[in-house]
Amino acid sequence: MKKEYKNHSGKLILKVFEENNIIFLSWHGKSLDLSPGDFLFPVFREIFDGNENNIVMNFEDLQYWDSSSIAVLIKLLGEIKKGNRKITLEYKADEDWQQLSFTALQVFQTPDERIKIIGK
């Protein structure tokens, strides 16, 4: 599987590929939509439903996201926390806004490392 998804404004691009039973999803551009869930949730469902592979989401090429986008990711992490799937979030540690956002998301990390957040 190798796919690319663009939101309606074309400012946010999600690139997805699968390798060694891991789904890699990288975020590129800016997520500024008032209702980002309208774009993100259907993409997440298409990629993850019926597929128990682990997930690596990389945000290093994301230039900006607003609080509405973070809320969508929080909902996804809450759903993943209920199951057995593993997800790793990778972000750019030397970007202040990413450091702040992902430090706040660390409350979702699990002791068994099913949810892991890593600054690179």
PDB file of N, CA and C in Angstrom:
ATOM      1  N   MET A   1       0.844  -1.177   0.000  1.00  0.00           N
ATOM      2  CA  MET A   1       0.000   0.000   0.000  1.00  0.00           C
ATOM      3  C   MET A   1       0.893   1.247   0.000  1.00  0.00           C
ATOM      4  N   LYS A   2       0.652   2.124  -0.933  1.00  0.00           N
ATOM      5  CA  LYS A   2       1.323   3.422  -0.967  1.00  0.00           C
ATOM      6  C   LYS A   2       0.291   4.413  -1.474  1.00  0.00           C
ATOM      7  N   LYS A   3      -0.048   5.393  -0.619  1.00  0.00           N
ATOM      8  CA  LYS A   3      -1.079   6.360  -0.985  1.00  0.00           C
ATOM      9  C   LYS A   3      -0.710   7.747  -0.491  1.00  0.00           C
ATOM     10  N   GLU A   4      -1.360   8.715  -1.099  1.00  0.00           N
ATOM     11  CA  GLU A   4      -1.203  10.105  -0.688  1.00  0.00           C
ATOM     12  C   GLU A   4      -2.586  10.725  -0.616  1.00  0.00           C
ATOM     13  N   TYR A   5      -2.841  11.445   0.465  1.00  0.00           N
ATOM     14  CA  TYR A   5      -4.131  12.094   0.683  1.00  0.00           C
ATOM     15  C   TYR A   5      -3.900  13.589   0.873  1.00  0.00           C
ATOM     16  N   LYS A   6      -4.716  14.412   0.188  1.00  0.00           N
ATOM     17  CA  LYS A   6      -4.646  15.868   0.353  1.00  0.00           C
ATOM     18  C   LYS A   6      -5.985  16.357   0.865  1.00  0.00           C
ATOM     19  N   ASN A   7      -5.928  17.288   1.833  1.00  0.00           N
ATOM     20  CA  ASN A   7      -7.188  17.870   2.298  1.00  0.00           C
ATOM     21  C   ASN A   7      -7.734  18.811   1.224  1.00  0.00           C
ATOM     22  N   HIS A   8      -8.958  19.311   1.435  1.00  0.00           N
ATOM     23  CA  HIS A   8      -9.617  20.097   0.381  1.00  0.00           C
ATOM     24  C   HIS A   8      -8.844  21.358  -0.004  1.00  0.00           C
ATOM     25  N   SER A   9      -8.084  21.944   0.921  1.00  0.00           N
ATOM     26  CA  SER A   9      -7.308  23.145   0.586  1.00  0.00           C
ATOM     27  C   SER A   9      -5.978  22.791  -0.078  1.00  0.00           C
ATOM     28  N   GLY A  10      -5.574  21.530   0.034  1.00  0.00           N
ATOM     29  CA  GLY A  10      -4.297  21.107  -0.523  1.00  0.00           C
ATOM     30  C   GLY A  10      -3.107  21.469   0.341  1.00  0.00           C
ATOM     31  N   LYS A  11      -3.357  22.040   1.521  1.00  0.00           N
ATOM     32  CA  LYS A  11      -2.262  22.474   2.391  1.00  0.00           C
ATOM     33  C   LYS A  11      -1.732  21.363   3.290  1.00  0.00           C
ATOM     34  N   LEU A  12      -2.546  20.329   3.498  1.00  0.00           N
ATOM     35  CA  LEU A  12      -2.122  19.194   4.311  1.00  0.00           C
ATOM     36  C   LEU A  12      -2.088  17.947   3.427  1.00  0.00           C
ATOM     37  N   ILE A  13      -0.964  17.267   3.473  1.00  0.00           N
ATOM     38  CA  ILE A  13      -0.797  16.033   2.710  1.00  0.00           C
ATOM     39  C   ILE A  13      -0.381  14.928   3.681  1.00  0.00           C
ATOM     40  N   LEU A  14      -1.063  13.803   3.603  1.00  0.00           N
ATOM     41  CA  LEU A  14      -0.698  12.616   4.370  1.00  0.00           C
ATOM     42  C   LEU A  14      -0.167  11.581   3.395  1.00  0.00           C
ATOM     43  N   LYS A  15       1.041  11.118   3.633  1.00  0.00           N
ATOM     44  CA  LYS A  15       1.654  10.098   2.788  1.00  0.00           C
ATOM     45  C   LYS A  15       1.720   8.803   3.584  1.00  0.00           C
ATOM     46  N   VAL A  16       1.246   7.736   2.971  1.00  0.00           N
ATOM     47  CA  VAL A  16       1.125   6.456   3.665  1.00  0.00           C
ATOM     48  C   VAL A  16       1.795   5.351   2.854  1.00  0.00           C
ATOM     49  N   PHE A  17       2.540   4.512   3.552  1.00  0.00           N
ATOM     50  CA  PHE A  17       3.021   3.284   2.945  1.00  0.00           C
ATOM     51  C   PHE A  17       3.134   2.219   4.022  1.00  0.00           C
ATOM     52  N   GLU A  18       3.174   0.985   3.587  1.00  0.00           N
ATOM     53  CA  GLU A  18       3.246  -0.132   4.520  1.00  0.00           C
ATOM     54  C   GLU A  18       4.489  -0.950   4.217  1.00  0.00           C
ATOM     55  N   GLU A  19       5.207  -1.315   5.286  1.00  0.00           N
ATOM     56  CA  GLU A  19       6.427  -2.100   5.126  1.00  0.00           C
ATOM     57  C   GLU A  19       6.628  -2.941   6.381  1.00  0.00           C
ATOM     58  N   ASN A  20       6.929  -4.216   6.201  1.00  0.00           N
ATOM     59  CA  ASN A  20       7.183  -5.118   7.329  1.00  0.00           C
ATOM     60  C   ASN A  20       6.077  -5.069   8.382  1.00  0.00           C
ATOM     61  N   ASN A  21       4.840  -5.091   7.922  1.00  0.00           N
ATOM     62  CA  ASN A  21       3.664  -5.082   8.810  1.00  0.00           C
ATOM     63  C   ASN A  21       3.564  -3.827   9.681  1.00  0.00           C
ATOM     64  N   ILE A  22       4.120  -2.727   9.211  1.00  0.00           N
ATOM     65  CA  ILE A  22       4.002  -1.427   9.897  1.00  0.00           C
ATOM     66  C   ILE A  22       3.442  -0.435   8.895  1.00  0.00           C
ATOM     67  N   ILE A  23       2.470   0.335   9.335  1.00  0.00           N
ATOM     68  CA  ILE A  23       1.899   1.408   8.519  1.00  0.00           C
ATOM     69  C   ILE A  23       2.637   2.693   8.874  1.00  0.00           C
ATOM     70  N   PHE A  24       3.253   3.322   7.897  1.00  0.00           N
ATOM     71  CA  PHE A  24       3.950   4.592   8.083  1.00  0.00           C
ATOM     72  C   PHE A  24       3.084   5.698   7.493  1.00  0.00           C
ATOM     73  N   LEU A  25       2.789   6.703   8.303  1.00  0.00           N
ATOM     74  CA  LEU A  25       1.967   7.828   7.857  1.00  0.00           C
ATOM     75  C   LEU A  25       2.725   9.112   8.208  1.00  0.00           C
ATOM     76  N   SER A  26       3.088   9.877   7.195  1.00  0.00           N
ATOM     77  CA  SER A  26       3.807  11.135   7.446  1.00  0.00           C
ATOM     78  C   SER A  26       2.923  12.322   7.081  1.00  0.00           C
ATOM     79  N   TRP A  27       2.986  13.329   7.925  1.00  0.00           N
ATOM     80  CA  TRP A  27       2.199  14.551   7.768  1.00  0.00           C
ATOM     81  C   TRP A  27       3.087  15.626   7.141  1.00  0.00           C
ATOM     82  N   HIS A  28       2.551  16.332   6.120  1.00  0.00           N
ATOM     83  CA  HIS A  28       3.312  17.367   5.412  1.00  0.00           C
ATOM     84  C   HIS A  28       2.437  18.608   5.248  1.00  0.00           C
ATOM     85  N   GLY A  29       3.043  19.776   5.419  1.00  0.00           N
ATOM     86  CA  GLY A  29       2.322  21.027   5.186  1.00  0.00           C
ATOM     87  C   GLY A  29       1.691  21.574   6.446  1.00  0.00           C
ATOM     88  N   LYS A  30       0.478  22.106   6.293  1.00  0.00           N
ATOM     89  CA  LYS A  30      -0.216  22.780   7.391  1.00  0.00           C
ATOM     90  C   LYS A  30      -1.628  22.234   7.526  1.00  0.00           C
ATOM     91  N   SER A  31      -2.042  22.026   8.777  1.00  0.00           N
ATOM     92  CA  SER A  31      -3.410  21.599   9.056  1.00  0.00           C
ATOM     93  C   SER A  31      -4.142  22.770   9.702  1.00  0.00           C
ATOM     94  N   LEU A  32      -4.924  23.467   8.891  1.00  0.00           N
ATOM     95  CA  LEU A  32      -5.584  24.702   9.332  1.00  0.00           C
ATOM     96  C   LEU A  32      -7.101  24.653   9.243  1.00  0.00           C
ATOM     97  N   ASP A  33      -7.661  23.531   8.825  1.00  0.00           N
ATOM     98  CA  ASP A  33      -9.110  23.442   8.620  1.00  0.00           C
ATOM     99  C   ASP A  33      -9.871  23.650   9.923  1.00  0.00           C
ATOM    100  N   LEU A  34     -11.055  24.249   9.818  1.00  0.00           N
ATOM    101  CA  LEU A  34     -11.902  24.427  10.986  1.00  0.00           C
ATOM    102  C   LEU A  34     -12.424  23.092  11.501  1.00  0.00           C
ATOM    103  N   SER A  35     -12.624  22.146  10.593  1.00  0.00           N
ATOM    104  CA  SER A  35     -13.107  20.808  10.959  1.00  0.00           C
ATOM    105  C   SER A  35     -12.186  19.761  10.339  1.00  0.00           C
ATOM    106  N   PRO A  36     -10.963  19.623  10.866  1.00  0.00           N
ATOM    107  CA  PRO A  36     -10.011  18.700  10.249  1.00  0.00           C
ATOM    108  C   PRO A  36     -10.462  17.247  10.317  1.00  0.00           C
ATOM    109  N   GLY A  37     -11.339  16.921  11.257  1.00  0.00           N
ATOM    110  CA  GLY A  37     -11.850  15.560  11.360  1.00  0.00           C
ATOM    111  C   GLY A  37     -12.607  15.126  10.123  1.00  0.00           C
ATOM    112  N   ASP A  38     -13.211  16.091   9.402  1.00  0.00           N
ATOM    113  CA  ASP A  38     -13.930  15.757   8.171  1.00  0.00           C
ATOM    114  C   ASP A  38     -13.000  15.129   7.138  1.00  0.00           C
ATOM    115  N   PHE A  39     -11.734  15.511   7.161  1.00  0.00           N
ATOM    116  CA  PHE A  39     -10.732  14.943   6.273  1.00  0.00           C
ATOM    117  C   PHE A  39     -10.000  13.772   6.940  1.00  0.00           C
ATOM    118  N   LEU A  40      -9.559  13.973   8.189  1.00  0.00           N
ATOM    119  CA  LEU A  40      -8.686  13.003   8.842  1.00  0.00           C
ATOM    120  C   LEU A  40      -9.382  11.696   9.229  1.00  0.00           C
ATOM    121  N   PHE A  41     -10.583  11.769   9.806  1.00  0.00           N
ATOM    122  CA  PHE A  41     -11.226  10.538  10.263  1.00  0.00           C
ATOM    123  C   PHE A  41     -11.491   9.549   9.120  1.00  0.00           C
ATOM    124  N   PRO A  42     -12.011   9.995   7.979  1.00  0.00           N
ATOM    125  CA  PRO A  42     -12.185   9.037   6.874  1.00  0.00           C
ATOM    126  C   PRO A  42     -10.853   8.436   6.390  1.00  0.00           C
ATOM    127  N   VAL A  43      -9.804   9.243   6.391  1.00  0.00           N
ATOM    128  CA  VAL A  43      -8.490   8.732   5.993  1.00  0.00           C
ATOM    129  C   VAL A  43      -8.033   7.685   7.002  1.00  0.00           C
ATOM    130  N   PHE A  44      -8.150   7.995   8.296  1.00  0.00           N
ATOM    131  CA  PHE A  44      -7.755   7.040   9.333  1.00  0.00           C
ATOM    132  C   PHE A  44      -8.551   5.737   9.203  1.00  0.00           C
ATOM    133  N   ARG A  45      -9.860   5.850   8.992  1.00  0.00           N
ATOM    134  CA  ARG A  45     -10.695   4.650   8.848  1.00  0.00           C
ATOM    135  C   ARG A  45     -10.233   3.812   7.655  1.00  0.00           C
ATOM    136  N   GLU A  46      -9.988   4.465   6.533  1.00  0.00           N
ATOM    137  CA  GLU A  46      -9.560   3.736   5.335  1.00  0.00           C
ATOM    138  C   GLU A  46      -8.237   3.003   5.576  1.00  0.00           C
ATOM    139  N   ILE A  47      -7.324   3.656   6.257  1.00  0.00           N
ATOM    140  CA  ILE A  47      -5.995   3.086   6.474  1.00  0.00           C
ATOM    141  C   ILE A  47      -6.005   2.007   7.556  1.00  0.00           C
ATOM    142  N   PHE A  48      -6.715   2.258   8.659  1.00  0.00           N
ATOM    143  CA  PHE A  48      -6.575   1.412   9.840  1.00  0.00           C
ATOM    144  C   PHE A  48      -7.654   0.350  10.005  1.00  0.00           C
ATOM    145  N   ASP A  49      -8.864   0.577   9.518  1.00  0.00           N
ATOM    146  CA  ASP A  49      -9.942  -0.391   9.731  1.00  0.00           C
ATOM    147  C   ASP A  49      -9.622  -1.717   9.051  1.00  0.00           C
ATOM    148  N   GLY A  50      -9.820  -2.790   9.801  1.00  0.00           N
ATOM    149  CA  GLY A  50      -9.564  -4.117   9.264  1.00  0.00           C
ATOM    150  C   GLY A  50      -8.092  -4.445   9.140  1.00  0.00           C
ATOM    151  N   ASN A  51      -7.240  -3.619   9.719  1.00  0.00           N
ATOM    152  CA  ASN A  51      -5.799  -3.793   9.632  1.00  0.00           C
ATOM    153  C   ASN A  51      -5.227  -3.617  11.037  1.00  0.00           C
ATOM    154  N   GLU A  52      -4.621  -4.633  11.566  1.00  0.00           N
ATOM    155  CA  GLU A  52      -4.096  -4.580  12.934  1.00  0.00           C
ATOM    156  C   GLU A  52      -2.608  -4.239  12.994  1.00  0.00           C
ATOM    157  N   ASN A  53      -2.031  -3.838  11.870  1.00  0.00           N
ATOM    158  CA  ASN A  53      -0.612  -3.514  11.857  1.00  0.00           C
ATOM    159  C   ASN A  53      -0.316  -2.313  12.753  1.00  0.00           C
ATOM    160  N   ASN A  54       0.891  -2.283  13.248  1.00  0.00           N
ATOM    161  CA  ASN A  54       1.326  -1.157  14.060  1.00  0.00           C
ATOM    162  C   ASN A  54       1.493   0.072  13.177  1.00  0.00           C
ATOM    163  N   ILE A  55       1.516   1.237  13.819  1.00  0.00           N
ATOM    164  CA  ILE A  55       1.504   2.513  13.105  1.00  0.00           C
ATOM    165  C   ILE A  55       2.691   3.365  13.553  1.00  0.00           C
ATOM    166  N   VAL A  56       3.331   4.018  12.604  1.00  0.00           N
ATOM    167  CA  VAL A  56       4.316   5.061  12.899  1.00  0.00           C
ATOM    168  C   VAL A  56       3.832   6.314  12.189  1.00  0.00           C
ATOM    169  N   MET A  57       3.525   7.350  12.964  1.00  0.00           N
ATOM    170  CA  MET A  57       3.140   8.645  12.395  1.00  0.00           C
ATOM    171  C   MET A  57       4.302   9.606  12.575  1.00  0.00           C
ATOM    172  N   ASN A  58       4.715  10.205  11.482  1.00  0.00           N
ATOM    173  CA  ASN A  58       5.829  11.143  11.523  1.00  0.00           C
ATOM    174  C   ASN A  58       5.322  12.550  11.198  1.00  0.00           C
ATOM    175  N   PHE A  59       5.652  13.480  12.080  1.00  0.00           N
ATOM    176  CA  PHE A  59       5.179  14.862  11.958  1.00  0.00           C
ATOM    177  C   PHE A  59       6.319  15.841  11.652  1.00  0.00           C
ATOM    178  N   GLU A  60       7.492  15.330  11.346  1.00  0.00           N
ATOM    179  CA  GLU A  60       8.654  16.201  11.156  1.00  0.00           C
ATOM    180  C   GLU A  60       8.483  17.203  10.015  1.00  0.00           C
ATOM    181  N   ASP A  61       7.688  16.852   8.996  1.00  0.00           N
ATOM    182  CA  ASP A  61       7.471  17.767   7.871  1.00  0.00           C
ATOM    183  C   ASP A  61       6.168  18.552   7.988  1.00  0.00           C
ATOM    184  N   LEU A  62       5.541  18.463   9.149  1.00  0.00           N
ATOM    185  CA  LEU A  62       4.347  19.267   9.394  1.00  0.00           C
ATOM    186  C   LEU A  62       4.805  20.663   9.818  1.00  0.00           C
ATOM    187  N   GLN A  63       4.330  21.681   9.116  1.00  0.00           N
ATOM    188  CA  GLN A  63       4.756  23.051   9.393  1.00  0.00           C
ATOM    189  C   GLN A  63       3.921  23.718  10.476  1.00  0.00           C
ATOM    190  N   TYR A  64       2.669  23.288  10.588  1.00  0.00           N
ATOM    191  CA  TYR A  64       1.788  23.888  11.594  1.00  0.00           C
ATOM    192  C   TYR A  64       0.515  23.062  11.689  1.00  0.00           C
ATOM    193  N   TRP A  65      -0.064  23.016  12.873  1.00  0.00           N
ATOM    194  CA  TRP A  65      -1.419  22.498  13.044  1.00  0.00           C
ATOM    195  C   TRP A  65      -2.100  23.287  14.136  1.00  0.00           C
ATOM    196  N   ASP A  66      -3.397  23.391  14.023  1.00  0.00           N
ATOM    197  CA  ASP A  66      -4.159  24.141  15.019  1.00  0.00           C
ATOM    198  C   ASP A  66      -4.733  23.184  16.057  1.00  0.00           C
ATOM    199  N   SER A  67      -5.378  23.739  17.064  1.00  0.00           N
ATOM    200  CA  SER A  67      -5.900  22.928  18.164  1.00  0.00           C
ATOM    201  C   SER A  67      -6.972  21.938  17.697  1.00  0.00           C
ATOM    202  N   SER A  68      -7.695  22.270  16.658  1.00  0.00           N
ATOM    203  CA  SER A  68      -8.704  21.343  16.132  1.00  0.00           C
ATOM    204  C   SER A  68      -8.046  20.072  15.600  1.00  0.00           C
ATOM    205  N   SER A  69      -6.890  20.205  15.003  1.00  0.00           N
ATOM    206  CA  SER A  69      -6.164  19.042  14.481  1.00  0.00           C
ATOM    207  C   SER A  69      -5.627  18.189  15.623  1.00  0.00           C
ATOM    208  N   ILE A  70      -5.143  18.840  16.665  1.00  0.00           N
ATOM    209  CA  ILE A  70      -4.652  18.105  17.836  1.00  0.00           C
ATOM    210  C   ILE A  70      -5.793  17.309  18.455  1.00  0.00           C
ATOM    211  N   ALA A  71      -6.986  17.890  18.498  1.00  0.00           N
ATOM    212  CA  ALA A  71      -8.149  17.208  19.071  1.00  0.00           C
ATOM    213  C   ALA A  71      -8.455  15.917  18.309  1.00  0.00           C
ATOM    214  N   VAL A  72      -8.286  15.933  16.999  1.00  0.00           N
ATOM    215  CA  VAL A  72      -8.516  14.723  16.190  1.00  0.00           C
ATOM    216  C   VAL A  72      -7.493  13.649  16.570  1.00  0.00           C
ATOM    217  N   LEU A  73      -6.241  14.037  16.730  1.00  0.00           N
ATOM    218  CA  LEU A  73      -5.211  13.079  17.109  1.00  0.00           C
ATOM    219  C   LEU A  73      -5.471  12.532  18.522  1.00  0.00           C
ATOM    220  N   ILE A  74      -5.931  13.386  19.421  1.00  0.00           N
ATOM    221  CA  ILE A  74      -6.267  12.946  20.781  1.00  0.00           C
ATOM    222  C   ILE A  74      -7.352  11.877  20.740  1.00  0.00           C
ATOM    223  N   LYS A  75      -8.343  12.086  19.913  1.00  0.00           N
ATOM    224  CA  LYS A  75      -9.422  11.092  19.786  1.00  0.00           C
ATOM    225  C   LYS A  75      -8.870   9.769  19.249  1.00  0.00           C
ATOM    226  N   LEU A  76      -8.012   9.833  18.247  1.00  0.00           N
ATOM    227  CA  LEU A  76      -7.404   8.630  17.694  1.00  0.00           C
ATOM    228  C   LEU A  76      -6.585   7.904  18.763  1.00  0.00           C
ATOM    229  N   LEU A  77      -5.790   8.638  19.527  1.00  0.00           N
ATOM    230  CA  LEU A  77      -4.975   8.014  20.576  1.00  0.00           C
ATOM    231  C   LEU A  77      -5.855   7.352  21.633  1.00  0.00           C
ATOM    232  N   GLY A  78      -6.969   7.981  21.957  1.00  0.00           N
ATOM    233  CA  GLY A  78      -7.909   7.395  22.911  1.00  0.00           C
ATOM    234  C   GLY A  78      -8.451   6.071  22.419  1.00  0.00           C
ATOM    235  N   GLU A  79      -8.765   5.991  21.133  1.00  0.00           N
ATOM    236  CA  GLU A  79      -9.263   4.747  20.543  1.00  0.00           C
ATOM    237  C   GLU A  79      -8.175   3.673  20.534  1.00  0.00           C
ATOM    238  N   ILE A  80      -6.969   4.070  20.186  1.00  0.00           N
ATOM    239  CA  ILE A  80      -5.858   3.113  20.132  1.00  0.00           C
ATOM    240  C   ILE A  80      -5.550   2.590  21.536  1.00  0.00           C
ATOM    241  N   LYS A  81      -5.661   3.451  22.525  1.00  0.00           N
ATOM    242  CA  LYS A  81      -5.378   3.061  23.904  1.00  0.00           C
ATOM    243  C   LYS A  81      -6.298   1.936  24.374  1.00  0.00           C
ATOM    244  N   LYS A  82      -7.492   1.861  23.814  1.00  0.00           N
ATOM    245  CA  LYS A  82      -8.462   0.821  24.193  1.00  0.00           C
ATOM    246  C   LYS A  82      -8.120  -0.541  23.587  1.00  0.00           C
ATOM    247  N   GLY A  83      -7.318  -0.566  22.536  1.00  0.00           N
ATOM    248  CA  GLY A  83      -7.040  -1.803  21.810  1.00  0.00           C
ATOM    249  C   GLY A  83      -5.651  -2.341  22.072  1.00  0.00           C
ATOM    250  N   ASN A  84      -5.165  -3.140  21.123  1.00  0.00           N
ATOM    251  CA  ASN A  84      -3.857  -3.780  21.248  1.00  0.00           C
ATOM    252  C   ASN A  84      -2.827  -3.259  20.258  1.00  0.00           C
ATOM    253  N   ARG A  85      -3.255  -2.416  19.354  1.00  0.00           N
ATOM    254  CA  ARG A  85      -2.366  -1.892  18.318  1.00  0.00           C
ATOM    255  C   ARG A  85      -1.324  -0.963  18.959  1.00  0.00           C
ATOM    256  N   LYS A  86      -0.153  -0.901  18.328  1.00  0.00           N
ATOM    257  CA  LYS A  86       0.896   0.017  18.777  1.00  0.00           C
ATOM    258  C   LYS A  86       0.982   1.191  17.816  1.00  0.00           C
ATOM    259  N   ILE A  87       1.243   2.379  18.380  1.00  0.00           N
ATOM    260  CA  ILE A  87       1.455   3.565  17.555  1.00  0.00           C
ATOM    261  C   ILE A  87       2.637   4.344  18.124  1.00  0.00           C
ATOM    262  N   THR A  88       3.469   4.821  17.235  1.00  0.00           N
ATOM    263  CA  THR A  88       4.589   5.681  17.603  1.00  0.00           C
ATOM    264  C   THR A  88       4.407   7.000  16.878  1.00  0.00           C
ATOM    265  N   LEU A  89       4.489   8.097  17.624  1.00  0.00           N
ATOM    266  CA  LEU A  89       4.431   9.436  17.047  1.00  0.00           C
ATOM    267  C   LEU A  89       5.838  10.016  17.082  1.00  0.00           C
ATOM    268  N   GLU A  90       6.329  10.433  15.923  1.00  0.00           N
ATOM    269  CA  GLU A  90       7.660  11.025  15.819  1.00  0.00           C
ATOM    270  C   GLU A  90       7.507  12.496  15.440  1.00  0.00           C
ATOM    271  N   TYR A  91       8.200  13.351  16.182  1.00  0.00           N
ATOM    272  CA  TYR A  91       8.096  14.777  15.897  1.00  0.00           C
ATOM    273  C   TYR A  91       9.480  15.411  15.900  1.00  0.00           C
ATOM    274  N   LYS A  92       9.536  16.643  15.415  1.00  0.00           N
ATOM    275  CA  LYS A  92      10.786  17.390  15.315  1.00  0.00           C
ATOM    276  C   LYS A  92      11.034  18.109  16.647  1.00  0.00           C
ATOM    277  N   ALA A  93      11.935  17.569  17.440  1.00  0.00           N
ATOM    278  CA  ALA A  93      12.156  18.077  18.793  1.00  0.00           C
ATOM    279  C   ALA A  93      12.724  19.496  18.831  1.00  0.00           C
ATOM    280  N   ASP A  94      13.393  19.918  17.766  1.00  0.00           N
ATOM    281  CA  ASP A  94      13.971  21.267  17.796  1.00  0.00           C
ATOM    282  C   ASP A  94      13.021  22.347  17.271  1.00  0.00           C
ATOM    283  N   GLU A  95      11.791  21.959  16.942  1.00  0.00           N
ATOM    284  CA  GLU A  95      10.739  22.931  16.601  1.00  0.00           C
ATOM    285  C   GLU A  95       9.944  23.199  17.872  1.00  0.00           C
ATOM    286  N   ASP A  96      10.003  24.427  18.376  1.00  0.00           N
ATOM    287  CA  ASP A  96       9.362  24.749  19.656  1.00  0.00           C
ATOM    288  C   ASP A  96       7.880  24.391  19.682  1.00  0.00           C
ATOM    289  N   TRP A  97       7.149  24.717  18.607  1.00  0.00           N
ATOM    290  CA  TRP A  97       5.712  24.459  18.627  1.00  0.00           C
ATOM    291  C   TRP A  97       5.424  22.958  18.626  1.00  0.00           C
ATOM    292  N   GLN A  98       6.265  22.164  17.936  1.00  0.00           N
ATOM    293  CA  GLN A  98       6.071  20.717  17.957  1.00  0.00           C
ATOM    294  C   GLN A  98       6.433  20.149  19.334  1.00  0.00           C
ATOM    295  N   GLN A  99       7.507  20.644  19.897  1.00  0.00           N
ATOM    296  CA  GLN A  99       7.914  20.197  21.230  1.00  0.00           C
ATOM    297  C   GLN A  99       6.787  20.446  22.238  1.00  0.00           C
ATOM    298  N   LEU A 100       6.188  21.608  22.181  1.00  0.00           N
ATOM    299  CA  LEU A 100       5.094  21.950  23.098  1.00  0.00           C
ATOM    300  C   LEU A 100       3.887  21.041  22.875  1.00  0.00           C
ATOM    301  N   SER A 101       3.478  20.860  21.631  1.00  0.00           N
ATOM    302  CA  SER A 101       2.315  20.027  21.313  1.00  0.00           C
ATOM    303  C   SER A 101       2.512  18.581  21.756  1.00  0.00           C
ATOM    304  N   PHE A 102       3.654  18.013  21.431  1.00  0.00           N
ATOM    305  CA  PHE A 102       3.859  16.595  21.705  1.00  0.00           C
ATOM    306  C   PHE A 102       4.212  16.327  23.167  1.00  0.00           C
ATOM    307  N   THR A 103       4.770  17.306  23.850  1.00  0.00           N
ATOM    308  CA  THR A 103       4.964  17.150  25.294  1.00  0.00           C
ATOM    309  C   THR A 103       3.607  17.020  25.971  1.00  0.00           C
ATOM    310  N   ALA A 104       2.633  17.813  25.528  1.00  0.00           N
ATOM    311  CA  ALA A 104       1.284  17.732  26.093  1.00  0.00           C
ATOM    312  C   ALA A 104       0.635  16.381  25.786  1.00  0.00           C
ATOM    313  N   LEU A 105       0.942  15.794  24.643  1.00  0.00           N
ATOM    314  CA  LEU A 105       0.350  14.511  24.252  1.00  0.00           C
ATOM    315  C   LEU A 105       0.982  13.316  24.979  1.00  0.00           C
ATOM    316  N   GLN A 106       2.083  13.537  25.695  1.00  0.00           N
ATOM    317  CA  GLN A 106       2.756  12.436  26.377  1.00  0.00           C
ATOM    318  C   GLN A 106       1.895  11.778  27.450  1.00  0.00           C
ATOM    319  N   VAL A 107       0.837  12.432  27.874  1.00  0.00           N
ATOM    320  CA  VAL A 107      -0.066  11.807  28.856  1.00  0.00           C
ATOM    321  C   VAL A 107      -0.717  10.551  28.274  1.00  0.00           C
ATOM    322  N   PHE A 108      -0.712  10.401  26.966  1.00  0.00           N
ATOM    323  CA  PHE A 108      -1.305   9.233  26.318  1.00  0.00           C
ATOM    324  C   PHE A 108      -0.335   8.060  26.208  1.00  0.00           C
ATOM    325  N   GLN A 109       0.947   8.294  26.486  1.00  0.00           N
ATOM    326  CA  GLN A 109       1.901   7.194  26.407  1.00  0.00           C
ATOM    327  C   GLN A 109       1.516   6.103  27.408  1.00  0.00           C
ATOM    328  N   THR A 110       1.754   4.862  27.019  1.00  0.00           N
ATOM    329  CA  THR A 110       1.404   3.739  27.891  1.00  0.00           C
ATOM    330  C   THR A 110       2.679   3.061  28.395  1.00  0.00           C
ATOM    331  N   PRO A 111       2.634   2.511  29.609  1.00  0.00           N
ATOM    332  CA  PRO A 111       3.825   1.837  30.161  1.00  0.00           C
ATOM    333  C   PRO A 111       4.309   0.677  29.291  1.00  0.00           C
ATOM    334  N   ASP A 112       3.386   0.017  28.580  1.00  0.00           N
ATOM    335  CA  ASP A 112       3.773  -1.107  27.721  1.00  0.00           C
ATOM    336  C   ASP A 112       4.227  -0.646  26.334  1.00  0.00           C
ATOM    337  N   GLU A 113       4.325   0.660  26.139  1.00  0.00           N
ATOM    338  CA  GLU A 113       4.804   1.296  24.905  1.00  0.00           C
ATOM    339  C   GLU A 113       3.910   1.033  23.702  1.00  0.00           C
ATOM    340  N   ARG A 114       2.627   0.751  23.946  1.00  0.00           N
ATOM    341  CA  ARG A 114       1.685   0.655  22.816  1.00  0.00           C
ATOM    342  C   ARG A 114       1.504   2.035  22.191  1.00  0.00           C
ATOM    343  N   ILE A 115       1.586   3.083  23.014  1.00  0.00           N
ATOM    344  CA  ILE A 115       1.590   4.463  22.511  1.00  0.00           C
ATOM    345  C   ILE A 115       2.898   5.093  22.963  1.00  0.00           C
ATOM    346  N   LYS A 116       3.692   5.468  21.960  1.00  0.00           N
ATOM    347  CA  LYS A 116       5.011   6.030  22.224  1.00  0.00           C
ATOM    348  C   LYS A 116       5.150   7.353  21.481  1.00  0.00           C
ATOM    349  N   ILE A 117       5.747   8.346  22.126  1.00  0.00           N
ATOM    350  CA  ILE A 117       5.946   9.650  21.509  1.00  0.00           C
ATOM    351  C   ILE A 117       7.443   9.976  21.589  1.00  0.00           C
ATOM    352  N   ILE A 118       8.034  10.217  20.410  1.00  0.00           N
ATOM    353  CA  ILE A 118       9.478  10.361  20.317  1.00  0.00           C
ATOM    354  C   ILE A 118       9.853  11.656  19.598  1.00  0.00           C
ATOM    355  N   GLY A 119      10.663  12.475  20.241  1.00  0.00           N
ATOM    356  CA  GLY A 119      11.230  13.659  19.585  1.00  0.00           C
ATOM    357  C   GLY A 119      12.507  13.256  18.880  1.00  0.00           C
ATOM    358  N   LYS A 120      12.652  13.697  17.621  1.00  0.00           N
ATOM    359  CA  LYS A 120      13.839  13.320  16.829  1.00  0.00           C
ATOM    360  C   LYS A 120      14.678  14.546  16.536  1.00  0.00           C
TER     361      LYS A 120
END
